[in-house]
């Protein structure tokens, strides 16, 4: 498949700086939540036939980290509308593949019901609402075992189905909760005027820079027929707050370079170095990481 897609709505860059930012984001994320797969997912990581999908894989870092924890017989597949930030195929482990995919288009038949785990992270700046994406990732999940009482199913077919599709498919979706965004000052006199102004201007640029759907994602999962839906929140520890703040400043700097309105871009460029200086003088910025875990119910 082609590596790029004309329907790409990603608001950030895809250059080497952006790739480094994504990798930093992943490692900081992992250090703060202390898992790759949430421990509430009752799947044995030693299962030799485990099939894992990472939708919106970016640089593939989450998938590659998980591959180190799984047996080599597990199959891991990363999907993104543009896989140019992933390692070349010849550099990947034998059981890891990357595939270009527009997750908002009709799902290819070979991906339906294929995966025991589907992981999604940080589409909050890509989609204005998650329904279509959620519908597709739910379809990717493996289904409940076929009931043995199904009239047209033979015993042998039922057992084969049961063996292949258990355990049930699980979704792990991770986002930042922008509703919890806040500044933290190392001392009461720390100035935040430029940072606050920069934040407000970014929020006014587009709905994508201030998404509202993350707080109700768990309800969307239930509406799509998922069960055992749980939500977990993780704030950043104070000692890692400088790294978190730097990460957001890197992202904002990327966004400034993508703004096409020259007047608005000039305002942002004027504020940005002043905001950075404030972060060097004891100003931090944080928002919760949210993990939604859910299981595919009977269809």
Foldseek 3Di string as FASTA:
>chain_A
DDQADPPFQFLFDLDPLVLVLVVLVVVLVCVQVVDLDPPVPPDDLAPLAAEEEEEQCRQVVSVQVSCVVHPLSYAYEYEELHNPNYDPPVPGRPRYYYDYDDLLDDDDPVQFQAHQEYEYEACLLGDLACLSSLLSVLRNWHAAQDDCVPPVDDNVRSVVSNVVRPPFHKYKYKYWDLVQKDKDFPDPVQDQVLVVVLLVLQVPPDCSSPHDHPVCVQVSCVVSQWPPKDKDKTKRDPVCQLVVQVSVLSRSVRSLVSDPPVVSSVSNVVSSVVNVVSSVNGMGIITIMMIIMTGHDHD
